[in-house]
Amino acid sequence: MVSESRTVRFLRRVVKKKSLWVVALVLAFVWFNNSSLFVGERDGKATIVAHAALGQSYDLKGVKWNTNTAAIIHTPEHNYIENTLPSMQAAFAYGADIVEFDVRLTGDKQLAVFHDDILAYRTNAKGPVSAFTMEQLRHIDVGYGYTADGGQTYPLRGTGIGLMVSIDDVFRRFPNGKFLIHIKDGGSQIGPILLKFLSTRDASEIENISVYGNDVALNLLRERYPRMKLLSAGKIKRALLSYELIGWTGIVPGPMRNMELHFPVRYAKFLWGWPNRFLQRMNAVNSRVVLVQYVDGWSDGFDSRADLEMLPKGYTGAVWTNRVDIIGPLLKE
């Protein structure tokens, strides 16, 4: 019995040592497979995504889904109005690689480039966008409602007359521009309209378009354009969860492919392979990584030199900004 007991103890020690070696090897594999040390410095610079082109800024803290943000702008430092052709021209001139803009469905089933459903927030018209034809919308003042002092003055009033345009106008003006289109209305209505519009664009233009918003519309787009970069709250949650489960192996799951991946910079460090190996993996599966700031549940921009200091050294993914006029020149440095 004594001899048998010693044998059992010996076997237990052997098994324990083997188990420790197995654990050590697994940990070494995970570290080596997800370390950026062996990727090397990435060439290039950060990609700039200009939110709403170049518009008036405001504080996101306390903002709700129905807040009239035109009524809480900072004192204007420029005269550009978001989602307009002049603001897009300025955004590209300041260094934007991609311009984001919003689309709403009009009464005559066209896609107007505008943020709010309620026109009275920003314009001199009342009612929803869907109550007007595109031709009628072209004549309103999209700068009418902006104020930085609680309504005492309206510095942009009168400057936005005739500046609301359709999505067709955007692509006629910037045929080679790269755009991120935000679907602001219900997908069952706007999805087929957007799909019809995209069918009129050539392959080079389609390559420059990514879309986010309603899942119903995005699913229609995915069926027709499987490589188009898409984003919705549901899609990104599924993508990130699947990646956290198996990404340590180096495998990029299906939901992470062909995606527009927006997430807060403070959470990026939890992604397998962050930063360089993760970016390398996403590039390989046609997904764009866009870092944002996070304020009260909303995506905010990198809008100052101090904000840019949060980025990893040599970062070559994309950054979201409300102030491309500031960030563009800084990144050129």
C-alpha atoms as a PDB file:
ATOM      1  CA  MET A   1       0.000   0.000   0.000  1.00  0.00           C
ATOM      2  CA  VAL A   2       2.894   2.358   0.826  1.00  0.00           C
ATOM      3  CA  SER A   3       4.505   1.716  -2.569  1.00  0.00           C
ATOM      4  CA  GLU A   4       1.185   2.311  -4.326  1.00  0.00           C
ATOM      5  CA  SER A   5       0.659   5.583  -2.489  1.00  0.00           C
ATOM      6  CA  ARG A   6       4.071   6.872  -3.586  1.00  0.00           C
ATOM      7  CA  THR A   7       3.282   5.919  -7.168  1.00  0.00           C
ATOM      8  CA  VAL A   8       0.021   7.819  -7.051  1.00  0.00           C
ATOM      9  CA  ARG A   9       1.747  10.908  -5.661  1.00  0.00           C
ATOM     10  CA  PHE A  10       4.415  10.685  -8.345  1.00  0.00           C
ATOM     11  CA  LEU A  11       1.795  10.450 -11.090  1.00  0.00           C
ATOM     12  CA  ARG A  12      -0.059  13.423  -9.647  1.00  0.00           C
ATOM     13  CA  ARG A  13       3.123  15.494  -9.711  1.00  0.00           C
ATOM     14  CA  VAL A  14       3.746  14.487 -13.328  1.00  0.00           C
ATOM     15  CA  VAL A  15       0.177  15.378 -14.339  1.00  0.00           C
ATOM     16  CA  LYS A  16       0.400  18.694 -12.482  1.00  0.00           C
ATOM     17  CA  LYS A  17       3.656  19.605 -14.209  1.00  0.00           C
ATOM     18  CA  LYS A  18       2.226  18.680 -17.606  1.00  0.00           C
ATOM     19  CA  SER A  19      -0.893  20.749 -16.890  1.00  0.00           C
ATOM     20  CA  LEU A  20       1.251  23.744 -15.957  1.00  0.00           C
ATOM     21  CA  TRP A  21       3.228  23.334 -19.171  1.00  0.00           C
ATOM     22  CA  VAL A  22       0.035  23.137 -21.192  1.00  0.00           C
ATOM     23  CA  VAL A  23      -1.310  26.305 -19.534  1.00  0.00           C
ATOM     24  CA  ALA A  24       2.017  28.066 -20.075  1.00  0.00           C
ATOM     25  CA  LEU A  25       2.070  27.078 -23.745  1.00  0.00           C
ATOM     26  CA  VAL A  26      -1.507  28.261 -24.269  1.00  0.00           C
ATOM     27  CA  LEU A  27      -0.752  31.605 -22.599  1.00  0.00           C
ATOM     28  CA  ALA A  28       2.413  31.977 -24.662  1.00  0.00           C
ATOM     29  CA  PHE A  29       0.450  31.256 -27.836  1.00  0.00           C
ATOM     30  CA  VAL A  30      -2.241  33.795 -26.946  1.00  0.00           C
ATOM     31  CA  TRP A  31       0.362  36.462 -26.157  1.00  0.00           C
ATOM     32  CA  PHE A  32       2.471  35.804 -29.250  1.00  0.00           C
ATOM     33  CA  ASN A  33      -0.583  35.580 -31.507  1.00  0.00           C
ATOM     34  CA  ASN A  34      -2.002  38.896 -30.268  1.00  0.00           C
ATOM     35  CA  SER A  35       1.086  40.974 -29.572  1.00  0.00           C
ATOM     36  CA  SER A  36       1.774  43.971 -31.780  1.00  0.00           C
ATOM     37  CA  LEU A  37       5.533  43.672 -31.117  1.00  0.00           C
ATOM     38  CA  PHE A  38       5.994  41.417 -34.125  1.00  0.00           C
ATOM     39  CA  VAL A  39       3.825  43.403 -36.525  1.00  0.00           C
ATOM     40  CA  GLY A  40       6.153  46.370 -36.801  1.00  0.00           C
ATOM     41  CA  GLU A  41       5.376  50.015 -37.417  1.00  0.00           C
ATOM     42  CA  ARG A  42       2.475  50.614 -39.777  1.00  0.00           C
ATOM     43  CA  ASP A  43       2.927  52.947 -42.728  1.00  0.00           C
ATOM     44  CA  GLY A  44       0.580  55.834 -43.362  1.00  0.00           C
ATOM     45  CA  LYS A  45      -1.523  58.085 -41.147  1.00  0.00           C
ATOM     46  CA  ALA A  46      -4.871  58.050 -39.430  1.00  0.00           C
ATOM     47  CA  THR A  47      -7.937  58.285 -41.665  1.00  0.00           C
ATOM     48  CA  ILE A  48     -10.196  61.259 -40.868  1.00  0.00           C
ATOM     49  CA  VAL A  49     -13.971  60.745 -40.832  1.00  0.00           C
ATOM     50  CA  ALA A  50     -15.647  64.165 -40.739  1.00  0.00           C
ATOM     51  CA  HIS A  51     -18.960  63.912 -38.909  1.00  0.00           C
ATOM     52  CA  ALA A  52     -21.653  65.787 -40.864  1.00  0.00           C
ATOM     53  CA  ALA A  53     -18.812  67.308 -42.921  1.00  0.00           C
ATOM     54  CA  LEU A  54     -18.016  70.554 -41.065  1.00  0.00           C
ATOM     55  CA  GLY A  55     -20.731  72.048 -38.891  1.00  0.00           C
ATOM     56  CA  GLN A  56     -21.358  73.834 -35.636  1.00  0.00           C
ATOM     57  CA  SER A  57     -20.228  72.019 -32.488  1.00  0.00           C
ATOM     58  CA  TYR A  58     -22.021  71.564 -29.156  1.00  0.00           C
ATOM     59  CA  ASP A  59     -21.604  69.667 -25.886  1.00  0.00           C
ATOM     60  CA  LEU A  60     -23.019  66.136 -25.908  1.00  0.00           C
ATOM     61  CA  LYS A  61     -23.375  65.881 -22.153  1.00  0.00           C
ATOM     62  CA  GLY A  62     -27.071  65.682 -21.306  1.00  0.00           C
ATOM     63  CA  VAL A  63     -28.161  65.419 -24.953  1.00  0.00           C
ATOM     64  CA  LYS A  64     -31.147  63.131 -25.623  1.00  0.00           C
ATOM     65  CA  TRP A  65     -32.361  61.613 -28.872  1.00  0.00           C
ATOM     66  CA  ASN A  66     -34.833  64.468 -29.366  1.00  0.00           C
ATOM     67  CA  THR A  67     -32.639  67.370 -28.183  1.00  0.00           C
ATOM     68  CA  ASN A  68     -32.582  70.387 -30.472  1.00  0.00           C
ATOM     69  CA  THR A  69     -28.808  70.614 -30.827  1.00  0.00           C
ATOM     70  CA  ALA A  70     -29.026  73.686 -33.077  1.00  0.00           C
ATOM     71  CA  ALA A  71     -30.224  75.577 -29.992  1.00  0.00           C
ATOM     72  CA  ILE A  72     -27.138  74.697 -27.909  1.00  0.00           C
ATOM     73  CA  ILE A  73     -24.220  75.323 -30.253  1.00  0.00           C
ATOM     74  CA  HIS A  74     -20.927  76.819 -29.123  1.00  0.00           C
ATOM     75  CA  THR A  75     -20.163  80.357 -30.235  1.00  0.00           C
ATOM     76  CA  PRO A  76     -19.482  79.858 -33.955  1.00  0.00           C
ATOM     77  CA  GLU A  77     -15.845  79.791 -35.064  1.00  0.00           C
ATOM     78  CA  HIS A  78     -16.851  79.443 -38.719  1.00  0.00           C
ATOM     79  CA  ASN A  79     -20.004  79.848 -40.818  1.00  0.00           C
ATOM     80  CA  TYR A  80     -20.350  76.316 -42.177  1.00  0.00           C
ATOM     81  CA  ILE A  81     -23.611  74.424 -41.721  1.00  0.00           C
ATOM     82  CA  GLU A  82     -23.536  70.643 -41.449  1.00  0.00           C
ATOM     83  CA  ASN A  83     -24.762  68.401 -44.268  1.00  0.00           C
ATOM     84  CA  THR A  84     -24.368  71.042 -46.959  1.00  0.00           C
ATOM     85  CA  LEU A  85     -22.205  71.098 -50.076  1.00  0.00           C
ATOM     86  CA  PRO A  86     -20.037  74.028 -48.845  1.00  0.00           C
ATOM     87  CA  SER A  87     -19.386  72.187 -45.571  1.00  0.00           C
ATOM     88  CA  MET A  88     -18.402  69.037 -47.474  1.00  0.00           C
ATOM     89  CA  GLN A  89     -16.090  71.038 -49.737  1.00  0.00           C
ATOM     90  CA  ALA A  90     -14.466  72.572 -46.654  1.00  0.00           C
ATOM     91  CA  ALA A  91     -14.139  69.194 -44.916  1.00  0.00           C
ATOM     92  CA  PHE A  92     -12.284  67.673 -47.868  1.00  0.00           C
ATOM     93  CA  ALA A  93     -10.113  70.779 -48.144  1.00  0.00           C
ATOM     94  CA  TYR A  94      -9.100  70.506 -44.471  1.00  0.00           C
ATOM     95  CA  GLY A  95      -8.043  66.899 -44.964  1.00  0.00           C
ATOM     96  CA  ALA A  96     -11.095  64.699 -44.459  1.00  0.00           C
ATOM     97  CA  ASP A  97     -10.684  61.300 -46.073  1.00  0.00           C
ATOM     98  CA  ILE A  98     -14.354  60.384 -45.558  1.00  0.00           C
ATOM     99  CA  VAL A  99     -17.340  62.677 -45.078  1.00  0.00           C
ATOM    100  CA  GLU A 100     -20.329  61.456 -43.080  1.00  0.00           C
ATOM    101  CA  PHE A 101     -23.784  62.821 -43.869  1.00  0.00           C
ATOM    102  CA  ASP A 102     -27.422  62.057 -42.989  1.00  0.00           C
ATOM    103  CA  VAL A 103     -30.298  61.223 -45.307  1.00  0.00           C
ATOM    104  CA  ARG A 104     -34.048  61.628 -44.808  1.00  0.00           C
ATOM    105  CA  LEU A 105     -36.909  60.527 -47.032  1.00  0.00           C
ATOM    106  CA  THR A 106     -38.906  63.344 -48.636  1.00  0.00           C
ATOM    107  CA  GLY A 107     -42.572  63.381 -49.545  1.00  0.00           C
ATOM    108  CA  ASP A 108     -41.734  62.635 -53.180  1.00  0.00           C
ATOM    109  CA  LYS A 109     -39.489  59.681 -52.199  1.00  0.00           C
ATOM    110  CA  GLN A 110     -36.145  61.361 -52.668  1.00  0.00           C
ATOM    111  CA  LEU A 111     -33.234  61.324 -50.212  1.00  0.00           C
ATOM    112  CA  ALA A 112     -32.645  64.735 -48.662  1.00  0.00           C
ATOM    113  CA  VAL A 113     -29.345  65.395 -46.877  1.00  0.00           C
ATOM    114  CA  PHE A 114     -30.520  66.557 -43.452  1.00  0.00           C
ATOM    115  CA  HIS A 115     -30.180  65.484 -39.820  1.00  0.00           C
ATOM    116  CA  ASP A 116     -33.497  66.048 -38.022  1.00  0.00           C
ATOM    117  CA  ASP A 117     -36.941  64.716 -38.777  1.00  0.00           C
ATOM    118  CA  ILE A 118     -38.397  67.957 -37.372  1.00  0.00           C
ATOM    119  CA  LEU A 119     -37.589  70.859 -39.689  1.00  0.00           C
ATOM    120  CA  ALA A 120     -38.407  73.543 -37.109  1.00  0.00           C
ATOM    121  CA  TYR A 121     -35.276  72.761 -35.066  1.00  0.00           C
ATOM    122  CA  ARG A 122     -32.874  74.146 -37.670  1.00  0.00           C
ATOM    123  CA  THR A 123     -34.939  75.748 -40.410  1.00  0.00           C
ATOM    124  CA  ASN A 124     -37.706  78.267 -41.036  1.00  0.00           C
ATOM    125  CA  ALA A 125     -40.113  75.477 -42.041  1.00  0.00           C
ATOM    126  CA  LYS A 126     -42.416  73.409 -39.830  1.00  0.00           C
ATOM    127  CA  GLY A 127     -43.324  69.748 -39.984  1.00  0.00           C
ATOM    128  CA  PRO A 128     -41.357  66.611 -40.866  1.00  0.00           C
ATOM    129  CA  VAL A 129     -39.058  66.296 -43.867  1.00  0.00           C
ATOM    130  CA  SER A 130     -41.459  63.720 -45.281  1.00  0.00           C
ATOM    131  CA  ALA A 131     -44.192  66.365 -45.596  1.00  0.00           C
ATOM    132  CA  PHE A 132     -42.232  68.282 -48.246  1.00  0.00           C
ATOM    133  CA  THR A 133     -40.978  67.559 -51.734  1.00  0.00           C
ATOM    134  CA  MET A 134     -37.281  67.865 -52.466  1.00  0.00           C
ATOM    135  CA  GLU A 135     -37.961  70.948 -54.550  1.00  0.00           C
ATOM    136  CA  GLN A 136     -39.745  72.648 -51.643  1.00  0.00           C
ATOM    137  CA  LEU A 137     -36.918  71.770 -49.251  1.00  0.00           C
ATOM    138  CA  ARG A 138     -34.373  73.443 -51.511  1.00  0.00           C
ATOM    139  CA  HIS A 139     -35.872  76.873 -50.742  1.00  0.00           C
ATOM    140  CA  ILE A 140     -35.821  76.819 -46.940  1.00  0.00           C
ATOM    141  CA  ASP A 141     -33.112  78.288 -44.682  1.00  0.00           C
ATOM    142  CA  VAL A 142     -31.170  75.465 -43.021  1.00  0.00           C
ATOM    143  CA  GLY A 143     -29.245  77.945 -40.858  1.00  0.00           C
ATOM    144  CA  TYR A 144     -32.339  79.618 -39.419  1.00  0.00           C
ATOM    145  CA  GLY A 145     -32.473  78.012 -35.957  1.00  0.00           C
ATOM    146  CA  TYR A 146     -28.842  77.986 -34.787  1.00  0.00           C
ATOM    147  CA  THR A 147     -28.175  79.917 -31.594  1.00  0.00           C
ATOM    148  CA  ALA A 148     -25.371  79.984 -29.036  1.00  0.00           C
ATOM    149  CA  ASP A 149     -26.995  82.326 -26.508  1.00  0.00           C
ATOM    150  CA  GLY A 150     -30.416  80.872 -25.820  1.00  0.00           C
ATOM    151  CA  GLY A 151     -32.158  82.576 -28.714  1.00  0.00           C
ATOM    152  CA  GLN A 152     -30.915  86.135 -28.267  1.00  0.00           C
ATOM    153  CA  THR A 153     -29.074  85.986 -31.587  1.00  0.00           C
ATOM    154  CA  TYR A 154     -29.110  83.654 -34.599  1.00  0.00           C
ATOM    155  CA  PRO A 155     -25.728  84.097 -36.304  1.00  0.00           C
ATOM    156  CA  LEU A 156     -26.395  81.737 -39.226  1.00  0.00           C
ATOM    157  CA  ARG A 157     -29.925  82.884 -40.019  1.00  0.00           C
ATOM    158  CA  GLY A 158     -30.239  83.772 -43.693  1.00  0.00           C
ATOM    159  CA  THR A 159     -26.985  82.045 -44.658  1.00  0.00           C
ATOM    160  CA  GLY A 160     -28.520  78.622 -45.294  1.00  0.00           C
ATOM    161  CA  ILE A 161     -31.156  79.502 -47.874  1.00  0.00           C
ATOM    162  CA  GLY A 162     -31.059  76.986 -50.712  1.00  0.00           C
ATOM    163  CA  LEU A 163     -28.418  74.781 -49.079  1.00  0.00           C
ATOM    164  CA  MET A 164     -30.496  71.654 -48.484  1.00  0.00           C
ATOM    165  CA  VAL A 165     -29.621  69.183 -51.217  1.00  0.00           C
ATOM    166  CA  SER A 166     -30.368  65.627 -52.273  1.00  0.00           C
ATOM    167  CA  ILE A 167     -27.997  62.683 -52.212  1.00  0.00           C
ATOM    168  CA  ASP A 168     -27.822  62.958 -56.013  1.00  0.00           C
ATOM    169  CA  ASP A 169     -26.439  66.502 -55.659  1.00  0.00           C
ATOM    170  CA  VAL A 170     -23.693  65.263 -53.332  1.00  0.00           C
ATOM    171  CA  PHE A 171     -22.424  62.657 -55.776  1.00  0.00           C
ATOM    172  CA  ARG A 172     -22.673  65.009 -58.734  1.00  0.00           C
ATOM    173  CA  ARG A 173     -20.499  67.517 -56.854  1.00  0.00           C
ATOM    174  CA  PHE A 174     -18.028  64.971 -55.436  1.00  0.00           C
ATOM    175  CA  PRO A 175     -18.003  61.960 -57.796  1.00  0.00           C
ATOM    176  CA  ASN A 176     -14.702  60.691 -56.352  1.00  0.00           C
ATOM    177  CA  GLY A 177     -15.438  61.498 -52.723  1.00  0.00           C
ATOM    178  CA  LYS A 178     -15.572  58.875 -49.991  1.00  0.00           C
ATOM    179  CA  PHE A 179     -18.745  58.952 -47.898  1.00  0.00           C
ATOM    180  CA  LEU A 180     -20.342  57.367 -44.868  1.00  0.00           C
ATOM    181  CA  ILE A 181     -24.123  57.622 -45.248  1.00  0.00           C
ATOM    182  CA  HIS A 182     -26.291  57.680 -42.122  1.00  0.00           C
ATOM    183  CA  ILE A 183     -29.830  56.377 -42.667  1.00  0.00           C
ATOM    184  CA  LYS A 184     -32.077  58.399 -40.362  1.00  0.00           C
ATOM    185  CA  ASP A 185     -35.517  56.995 -41.273  1.00  0.00           C
ATOM    186  CA  GLY A 186     -37.181  53.583 -41.081  1.00  0.00           C
ATOM    187  CA  GLY A 187     -35.382  50.978 -43.136  1.00  0.00           C
ATOM    188  CA  SER A 188     -38.401  49.416 -44.817  1.00  0.00           C
ATOM    189  CA  GLN A 189     -39.128  52.724 -46.564  1.00  0.00           C
ATOM    190  CA  ILE A 190     -35.717  54.255 -47.094  1.00  0.00           C
ATOM    191  CA  GLY A 191     -33.852  51.009 -47.813  1.00  0.00           C
ATOM    192  CA  PRO A 192     -35.332  50.358 -51.270  1.00  0.00           C
ATOM    193  CA  ILE A 193     -34.934  54.049 -52.205  1.00  0.00           C
ATOM    194  CA  LEU A 194     -31.253  54.037 -51.238  1.00  0.00           C
ATOM    195  CA  LEU A 195     -30.753  50.725 -53.028  1.00  0.00           C
ATOM    196  CA  LYS A 196     -32.294  52.212 -56.179  1.00  0.00           C
ATOM    197  CA  PHE A 197     -29.992  55.222 -55.937  1.00  0.00           C
ATOM    198  CA  LEU A 198     -26.904  53.048 -55.497  1.00  0.00           C
ATOM    199  CA  SER A 199     -27.851  51.020 -58.560  1.00  0.00           C
ATOM    200  CA  THR A 200     -27.195  54.170 -60.617  1.00  0.00           C
ATOM    201  CA  ARG A 201     -23.591  54.482 -59.379  1.00  0.00           C
ATOM    202  CA  ASP A 202     -20.617  52.781 -60.978  1.00  0.00           C
ATOM    203  CA  ALA A 203     -18.351  50.294 -59.207  1.00  0.00           C
ATOM    204  CA  SER A 204     -15.702  52.878 -58.273  1.00  0.00           C
ATOM    205  CA  GLU A 205     -18.299  55.036 -56.499  1.00  0.00           C
ATOM    206  CA  ILE A 206     -19.797  52.051 -54.664  1.00  0.00           C
ATOM    207  CA  GLU A 207     -16.312  51.187 -53.379  1.00  0.00           C
ATOM    208  CA  ASN A 208     -16.191  54.647 -51.746  1.00  0.00           C
ATOM    209  CA  ILE A 209     -19.513  54.286 -49.901  1.00  0.00           C
ATOM    210  CA  SER A 210     -20.223  52.859 -46.466  1.00  0.00           C
ATOM    211  CA  VAL A 211     -23.563  53.019 -44.658  1.00  0.00           C
ATOM    212  CA  TYR A 212     -24.884  52.885 -41.112  1.00  0.00           C
ATOM    213  CA  GLY A 213     -28.242  53.085 -39.389  1.00  0.00           C
ATOM    214  CA  ASN A 214     -31.301  50.881 -39.660  1.00  0.00           C
ATOM    215  CA  ASP A 215     -30.788  47.087 -39.810  1.00  0.00           C
ATOM    216  CA  VAL A 216     -33.682  46.512 -42.198  1.00  0.00           C
ATOM    217  CA  ALA A 217     -32.106  48.804 -44.789  1.00  0.00           C
ATOM    218  CA  LEU A 218     -28.603  47.475 -44.108  1.00  0.00           C
ATOM    219  CA  ASN A 219     -29.707  43.897 -44.678  1.00  0.00           C
ATOM    220  CA  LEU A 220     -31.031  44.894 -48.096  1.00  0.00           C
ATOM    221  CA  LEU A 221     -27.695  46.516 -48.907  1.00  0.00           C
ATOM    222  CA  ARG A 222     -25.705  43.528 -47.653  1.00  0.00           C
ATOM    223  CA  GLU A 223     -27.615  41.216 -49.984  1.00  0.00           C
ATOM    224  CA  ARG A 224     -26.873  43.392 -53.009  1.00  0.00           C
ATOM    225  CA  TYR A 225     -23.401  44.646 -51.986  1.00  0.00           C
ATOM    226  CA  PRO A 226     -21.729  41.972 -49.823  1.00  0.00           C
ATOM    227  CA  ARG A 227     -18.427  43.900 -49.527  1.00  0.00           C
ATOM    228  CA  MET A 228     -19.944  47.244 -48.570  1.00  0.00           C
ATOM    229  CA  LYS A 229     -18.866  48.369 -45.079  1.00  0.00           C
ATOM    230  CA  LEU A 230     -21.967  48.560 -42.860  1.00  0.00           C
ATOM    231  CA  LEU A 231     -22.692  49.501 -39.250  1.00  0.00           C
ATOM    232  CA  SER A 232     -25.610  49.341 -36.844  1.00  0.00           C
ATOM    233  CA  ALA A 233     -25.801  49.032 -33.054  1.00  0.00           C
ATOM    234  CA  GLY A 234     -26.927  45.408 -33.337  1.00  0.00           C
ATOM    235  CA  LYS A 235     -24.316  44.458 -35.913  1.00  0.00           C
ATOM    236  CA  ILE A 236     -21.399  45.912 -33.979  1.00  0.00           C
ATOM    237  CA  LYS A 237     -22.467  44.229 -30.732  1.00  0.00           C
ATOM    238  CA  ARG A 238     -22.607  40.848 -32.462  1.00  0.00           C
ATOM    239  CA  ALA A 239     -19.311  41.496 -34.194  1.00  0.00           C
ATOM    240  CA  LEU A 240     -17.392  42.514 -31.077  1.00  0.00           C
ATOM    241  CA  LEU A 241     -18.855  39.718 -28.951  1.00  0.00           C
ATOM    242  CA  SER A 242     -17.920  37.080 -31.509  1.00  0.00           C
ATOM    243  CA  TYR A 243     -14.429  38.533 -31.816  1.00  0.00           C
ATOM    244  CA  GLU A 244     -13.858  38.573 -28.065  1.00  0.00           C
ATOM    245  CA  LEU A 245     -14.845  34.898 -27.938  1.00  0.00           C
ATOM    246  CA  ILE A 246     -12.537  33.606 -30.677  1.00  0.00           C
ATOM    247  CA  GLY A 247     -10.322  36.496 -31.769  1.00  0.00           C
ATOM    248  CA  TRP A 248      -7.477  35.343 -29.502  1.00  0.00           C
ATOM    249  CA  THR A 249      -6.921  32.496 -31.963  1.00  0.00           C
ATOM    250  CA  GLY A 250      -6.292  34.944 -34.806  1.00  0.00           C
ATOM    251  CA  ILE A 251      -9.537  33.951 -36.509  1.00  0.00           C
ATOM    252  CA  VAL A 252     -11.759  36.872 -37.516  1.00  0.00           C
ATOM    253  CA  PRO A 253     -15.416  35.760 -37.251  1.00  0.00           C
ATOM    254  CA  GLY A 254     -17.939  36.457 -39.987  1.00  0.00           C
ATOM    255  CA  PRO A 255     -19.762  39.314 -38.189  1.00  0.00           C
ATOM    256  CA  MET A 256     -16.490  41.306 -38.058  1.00  0.00           C
ATOM    257  CA  ARG A 257     -15.985  41.187 -41.827  1.00  0.00           C
ATOM    258  CA  ASN A 258     -16.956  43.993 -44.223  1.00  0.00           C
ATOM    259  CA  MET A 259     -17.847  46.221 -41.301  1.00  0.00           C
ATOM    260  CA  GLU A 260     -17.656  49.878 -40.345  1.00  0.00           C
ATOM    261  CA  LEU A 261     -16.421  49.375 -36.764  1.00  0.00           C
ATOM    262  CA  HIS A 262     -16.966  52.366 -34.495  1.00  0.00           C
ATOM    263  CA  PHE A 263     -16.055  52.023 -30.818  1.00  0.00           C
ATOM    264  CA  PRO A 264     -14.745  54.235 -27.984  1.00  0.00           C
ATOM    265  CA  VAL A 265     -10.988  54.631 -27.699  1.00  0.00           C
ATOM    266  CA  ARG A 266     -11.087  53.768 -23.988  1.00  0.00           C
ATOM    267  CA  TYR A 267     -12.377  50.256 -24.760  1.00  0.00           C
ATOM    268  CA  ALA A 268     -10.053  49.521 -27.685  1.00  0.00           C
ATOM    269  CA  LYS A 269      -7.331  48.081 -25.428  1.00  0.00           C
ATOM    270  CA  PHE A 270      -9.596  45.107 -24.663  1.00  0.00           C
ATOM    271  CA  LEU A 271      -9.609  43.947 -28.290  1.00  0.00           C
ATOM    272  CA  TRP A 272      -7.394  40.975 -29.140  1.00  0.00           C
ATOM    273  CA  GLY A 273      -4.279  42.203 -30.924  1.00  0.00           C
ATOM    274  CA  TRP A 274      -4.778  45.889 -30.219  1.00  0.00           C
ATOM    275  CA  PRO A 275      -3.508  48.042 -31.785  1.00  0.00           C
ATOM    276  CA  ASN A 276      -1.388  47.009 -34.767  1.00  0.00           C
ATOM    277  CA  ARG A 277      -2.238  43.334 -35.064  1.00  0.00           C
ATOM    278  CA  PHE A 278      -5.943  44.113 -34.681  1.00  0.00           C
ATOM    279  CA  LEU A 279      -5.770  46.768 -37.418  1.00  0.00           C
ATOM    280  CA  GLN A 280      -3.892  44.332 -39.621  1.00  0.00           C
ATOM    281  CA  ARG A 281      -6.609  41.716 -39.157  1.00  0.00           C
ATOM    282  CA  MET A 282      -9.406  44.182 -39.871  1.00  0.00           C
ATOM    283  CA  ASN A 283      -7.716  45.441 -43.042  1.00  0.00           C
ATOM    284  CA  ALA A 284      -7.448  41.860 -44.228  1.00  0.00           C
ATOM    285  CA  VAL A 285     -11.223  41.340 -43.933  1.00  0.00           C
ATOM    286  CA  ASN A 286     -12.259  44.704 -45.444  1.00  0.00           C
ATOM    287  CA  SER A 287     -13.360  46.298 -42.150  1.00  0.00           C
ATOM    288  CA  ARG A 288     -12.669  49.896 -41.171  1.00  0.00           C
ATOM    289  CA  VAL A 289     -11.798  50.735 -37.548  1.00  0.00           C
ATOM    290  CA  VAL A 290     -13.071  54.153 -36.422  1.00  0.00           C
ATOM    291  CA  LEU A 291     -12.203  55.371 -32.931  1.00  0.00           C
ATOM    292  CA  VAL A 292     -14.636  57.727 -31.209  1.00  0.00           C
ATOM    293  CA  GLN A 293     -14.917  59.381 -27.818  1.00  0.00           C
ATOM    294  CA  TYR A 294     -17.814  58.424 -25.556  1.00  0.00           C
ATOM    295  CA  VAL A 295     -20.053  60.991 -23.844  1.00  0.00           C
ATOM    296  CA  ASP A 296     -23.357  60.140 -22.143  1.00  0.00           C
ATOM    297  CA  GLY A 297     -24.049  57.249 -24.502  1.00  0.00           C
ATOM    298  CA  TRP A 298     -23.151  59.180 -27.675  1.00  0.00           C
ATOM    299  CA  SER A 299     -20.191  59.013 -30.014  1.00  0.00           C
ATOM    300  CA  ASP A 300     -18.156  62.199 -29.794  1.00  0.00           C
ATOM    301  CA  GLY A 301     -15.208  63.291 -31.867  1.00  0.00           C
ATOM    302  CA  PHE A 302     -11.483  63.812 -31.586  1.00  0.00           C
ATOM    303  CA  ASP A 303     -11.647  67.573 -31.788  1.00  0.00           C
ATOM    304  CA  SER A 304      -8.414  68.907 -30.258  1.00  0.00           C
ATOM    305  CA  ARG A 305      -4.694  68.240 -29.988  1.00  0.00           C
ATOM    306  CA  ALA A 306      -5.255  66.807 -26.499  1.00  0.00           C
ATOM    307  CA  ASP A 307      -7.801  64.340 -27.916  1.00  0.00           C
ATOM    308  CA  LEU A 308      -5.281  63.064 -30.465  1.00  0.00           C
ATOM    309  CA  GLU A 309      -2.871  62.189 -27.663  1.00  0.00           C
ATOM    310  CA  MET A 310      -5.231  59.335 -26.748  1.00  0.00           C
ATOM    311  CA  LEU A 311      -4.393  57.532 -29.996  1.00  0.00           C
ATOM    312  CA  PRO A 312      -1.784  54.751 -30.026  1.00  0.00           C
ATOM    313  CA  LYS A 313       1.582  55.717 -31.489  1.00  0.00           C
ATOM    314  CA  GLY A 314       1.558  55.200 -35.239  1.00  0.00           C
ATOM    315  CA  TYR A 315      -2.203  54.628 -35.323  1.00  0.00           C
ATOM    316  CA  THR A 316      -3.424  54.132 -38.896  1.00  0.00           C
ATOM    317  CA  GLY A 317      -7.084  53.384 -38.331  1.00  0.00           C
ATOM    318  CA  ALA A 318      -9.743  56.096 -38.596  1.00  0.00           C
ATOM    319  CA  VAL A 319     -10.797  58.831 -36.184  1.00  0.00           C
ATOM    320  CA  TRP A 320     -14.209  60.462 -35.870  1.00  0.00           C
ATOM    321  CA  THR A 321     -14.181  64.247 -35.652  1.00  0.00           C
ATOM    322  CA  ASN A 322     -16.608  67.150 -35.463  1.00  0.00           C
ATOM    323  CA  ARG A 323     -13.786  69.614 -36.114  1.00  0.00           C
ATOM    324  CA  VAL A 324     -11.938  68.536 -39.216  1.00  0.00           C
ATOM    325  CA  ASP A 325     -10.781  72.163 -39.506  1.00  0.00           C
ATOM    326  CA  ILE A 326      -8.677  71.545 -36.370  1.00  0.00           C
ATOM    327  CA  ILE A 327      -7.842  67.843 -36.669  1.00  0.00           C
ATOM    328  CA  GLY A 328      -6.976  67.813 -40.369  1.00  0.00           C
ATOM    329  CA  PRO A 329      -4.060  70.265 -40.088  1.00  0.00           C
ATOM    330  CA  LEU A 330      -2.846  68.632 -36.842  1.00  0.00           C
ATOM    331  CA  LEU A 331      -2.632  65.188 -38.411  1.00  0.00           C
ATOM    332  CA  LYS A 332      -0.800  66.621 -41.397  1.00  0.00           C
ATOM    333  CA  GLU A 333       1.966  67.650 -38.987  1.00  0.00           C
END
